[in-house]
């Protein structure tokens, strides 16, 4: 996209930076909710370890592992967006 004037380019830059900040906020929320989900799942496992059969324990551990993986991916994506905020122009 080419803007004809500096004012148009500045407005475009502001729009892009705004979108990056919004994406960063959404990722922060996702990381936070993932963290809370992992804590709750681990607490459930700890509190109910004696009552769970081995298959349930294994399924819950897999669920925790998958949730942790999801959170790690969200953190990596968040880092990329933070890097984009430092330099929203690439050329």
C-alpha atoms as a PDB file:
ATOM      1  CA  UNK A   1       0.000   0.000   0.000  1.00  0.00           C
ATOM      2  CA  UNK A   2       1.406   3.342  -1.019  1.00  0.00           C
ATOM      3  CA  UNK A   3       0.263   6.559   0.586  1.00  0.00           C
ATOM      4  CA  UNK A   4       0.571   9.750  -1.398  1.00  0.00           C
ATOM      5  CA  UNK A   5       1.282  12.130   1.458  1.00  0.00           C
ATOM      6  CA  UNK A   6       3.170  12.037   4.697  1.00  0.00           C
ATOM      7  CA  UNK A   7      -0.081  12.634   6.618  1.00  0.00           C
ATOM      8  CA  UNK A   8      -1.669   9.572   5.000  1.00  0.00           C
ATOM      9  CA  UNK A   9       1.406   7.528   5.842  1.00  0.00           C
ATOM     10  CA  UNK A  10       1.335   8.698   9.461  1.00  0.00           C
ATOM     11  CA  UNK A  11      -2.350   7.744   9.769  1.00  0.00           C
ATOM     12  CA  UNK A  12      -1.569   4.354   8.247  1.00  0.00           C
ATOM     13  CA  UNK A  13       1.307   3.858  10.703  1.00  0.00           C
ATOM     14  CA  UNK A  14      -0.938   4.789  13.625  1.00  0.00           C
ATOM     15  CA  UNK A  15      -3.546   2.274  12.440  1.00  0.00           C
ATOM     16  CA  UNK A  16      -0.942  -0.488  12.153  1.00  0.00           C
ATOM     17  CA  UNK A  17       0.547   0.272  15.572  1.00  0.00           C
ATOM     18  CA  UNK A  18      -2.980   0.279  17.050  1.00  0.00           C
ATOM     19  CA  UNK A  19      -3.670  -3.139  15.546  1.00  0.00           C
ATOM     20  CA  UNK A  20      -0.382  -4.455  16.921  1.00  0.00           C
ATOM     21  CA  UNK A  21      -1.235  -3.147  20.402  1.00  0.00           C
ATOM     22  CA  UNK A  22      -4.675  -4.786  20.188  1.00  0.00           C
ATOM     23  CA  UNK A  23      -3.095  -8.091  19.124  1.00  0.00           C
ATOM     24  CA  UNK A  24      -0.641  -7.817  22.019  1.00  0.00           C
ATOM     25  CA  UNK A  25      -3.477  -7.268  24.499  1.00  0.00           C
ATOM     26  CA  UNK A  26      -5.361 -10.278  23.127  1.00  0.00           C
ATOM     27  CA  UNK A  27      -2.232 -12.421  23.468  1.00  0.00           C
ATOM     28  CA  UNK A  28      -1.689 -11.212  27.032  1.00  0.00           C
ATOM     29  CA  UNK A  29      -5.250 -12.278  27.834  1.00  0.00           C
ATOM     30  CA  UNK A  30      -4.683 -15.669  26.193  1.00  0.00           C
ATOM     31  CA  UNK A  31      -1.441 -16.259  28.093  1.00  0.00           C
ATOM     32  CA  UNK A  32      -3.141 -15.286  31.348  1.00  0.00           C
ATOM     33  CA  UNK A  33      -6.129 -17.567  30.782  1.00  0.00           C
ATOM     34  CA  UNK A  34      -3.838 -20.432  29.746  1.00  0.00           C
ATOM     35  CA  UNK A  35      -1.821 -19.965  32.931  1.00  0.00           C
ATOM     36  CA  UNK A  36      -5.000 -20.076  35.014  1.00  0.00           C
ATOM     37  CA  UNK A  37      -6.205 -23.198  33.164  1.00  0.00           C
ATOM     38  CA  UNK A  38      -2.926 -25.000  33.872  1.00  0.00           C
ATOM     39  CA  UNK A  39      -3.039 -24.062  37.555  1.00  0.00           C
ATOM     40  CA  UNK A  40      -6.655 -25.258  37.858  1.00  0.00           C
ATOM     41  CA  UNK A  41      -5.927 -28.538  36.064  1.00  0.00           C
ATOM     42  CA  UNK A  42      -2.897 -29.233  38.248  1.00  0.00           C
ATOM     43  CA  UNK A  43      -4.878 -28.380  41.377  1.00  0.00           C
ATOM     44  CA  UNK A  44      -7.631 -30.770  40.269  1.00  0.00           C
ATOM     45  CA  UNK A  45      -5.082 -33.535  39.714  1.00  0.00           C
ATOM     46  CA  UNK A  46      -3.481 -32.909  43.090  1.00  0.00           C
ATOM     47  CA  UNK A  47      -6.770 -32.767  44.986  1.00  0.00           C
ATOM     48  CA  UNK A  48      -8.260 -35.836  43.291  1.00  0.00           C
ATOM     49  CA  UNK A  49      -5.191 -37.995  42.681  1.00  0.00           C
ATOM     50  CA  UNK A  50      -6.424 -40.815  44.896  1.00  0.00           C
ATOM     51  CA  UNK A  51      -9.883 -40.902  43.319  1.00  0.00           C
ATOM     52  CA  UNK A  52      -8.726 -40.901  39.688  1.00  0.00           C
ATOM     53  CA  UNK A  53      -8.034 -44.112  37.838  1.00  0.00           C
ATOM     54  CA  UNK A  54      -4.774 -44.340  35.843  1.00  0.00           C
ATOM     55  CA  UNK A  55      -6.496 -43.547  32.530  1.00  0.00           C
ATOM     56  CA  UNK A  56      -8.053 -40.366  33.950  1.00  0.00           C
ATOM     57  CA  UNK A  57      -4.718 -39.296  35.428  1.00  0.00           C
ATOM     58  CA  UNK A  58      -2.993 -39.865  32.102  1.00  0.00           C
ATOM     59  CA  UNK A  59      -5.698 -37.975  30.205  1.00  0.00           C
ATOM     60  CA  UNK A  60      -5.472 -35.046  32.612  1.00  0.00           C
ATOM     61  CA  UNK A  61      -1.677 -34.956  32.316  1.00  0.00           C
ATOM     62  CA  UNK A  62      -1.948 -34.917  28.527  1.00  0.00           C
ATOM     63  CA  UNK A  63      -4.481 -32.093  28.787  1.00  0.00           C
ATOM     64  CA  UNK A  64      -2.114 -30.107  31.010  1.00  0.00           C
ATOM     65  CA  UNK A  65       0.773 -30.709  28.603  1.00  0.00           C
ATOM     66  CA  UNK A  66      -1.290 -29.577  25.620  1.00  0.00           C
ATOM     67  CA  UNK A  67      -2.425 -26.469  27.474  1.00  0.00           C
ATOM     68  CA  UNK A  68       1.170 -25.639  28.403  1.00  0.00           C
ATOM     69  CA  UNK A  69       2.179 -26.065  24.754  1.00  0.00           C
ATOM     70  CA  UNK A  70      -0.605 -23.719  23.693  1.00  0.00           C
ATOM     71  CA  UNK A  71       0.596 -21.141  26.205  1.00  0.00           C
ATOM     72  CA  UNK A  72       4.193 -21.418  25.010  1.00  0.00           C
ATOM     73  CA  UNK A  73       3.075 -20.841  21.424  1.00  0.00           C
ATOM     74  CA  UNK A  74       1.101 -17.778  22.506  1.00  0.00           C
ATOM     75  CA  UNK A  75       4.187 -16.423  24.286  1.00  0.00           C
ATOM     76  CA  UNK A  76       6.317 -16.938  21.167  1.00  0.00           C
ATOM     77  CA  UNK A  77       3.721 -15.140  19.047  1.00  0.00           C
ATOM     78  CA  UNK A  78       3.584 -12.333  21.603  1.00  0.00           C
ATOM     79  CA  UNK A  79       7.366 -11.884  21.317  1.00  0.00           C
ATOM     80  CA  UNK A  80       7.064 -11.587  17.527  1.00  0.00           C
ATOM     81  CA  UNK A  81       4.393  -8.900  17.862  1.00  0.00           C
ATOM     82  CA  UNK A  82       6.524  -6.999  20.382  1.00  0.00           C
ATOM     83  CA  UNK A  83       9.388  -7.102  17.894  1.00  0.00           C
ATOM     84  CA  UNK A  84       7.078  -5.757  15.170  1.00  0.00           C
ATOM     85  CA  UNK A  85       6.109  -2.871  17.445  1.00  0.00           C
ATOM     86  CA  UNK A  86       9.750  -1.833  17.664  1.00  0.00           C
ATOM     87  CA  UNK A  87       9.963  -1.578  13.883  1.00  0.00           C
ATOM     88  CA  UNK A  88       6.609  -1.662  12.064  1.00  0.00           C
ATOM     89  CA  UNK A  89       8.327  -0.955   8.722  1.00  0.00           C
ATOM     90  CA  UNK A  90      10.311  -3.724   7.124  1.00  0.00           C
ATOM     91  CA  UNK A  91      12.131  -1.998   4.247  1.00  0.00           C
END
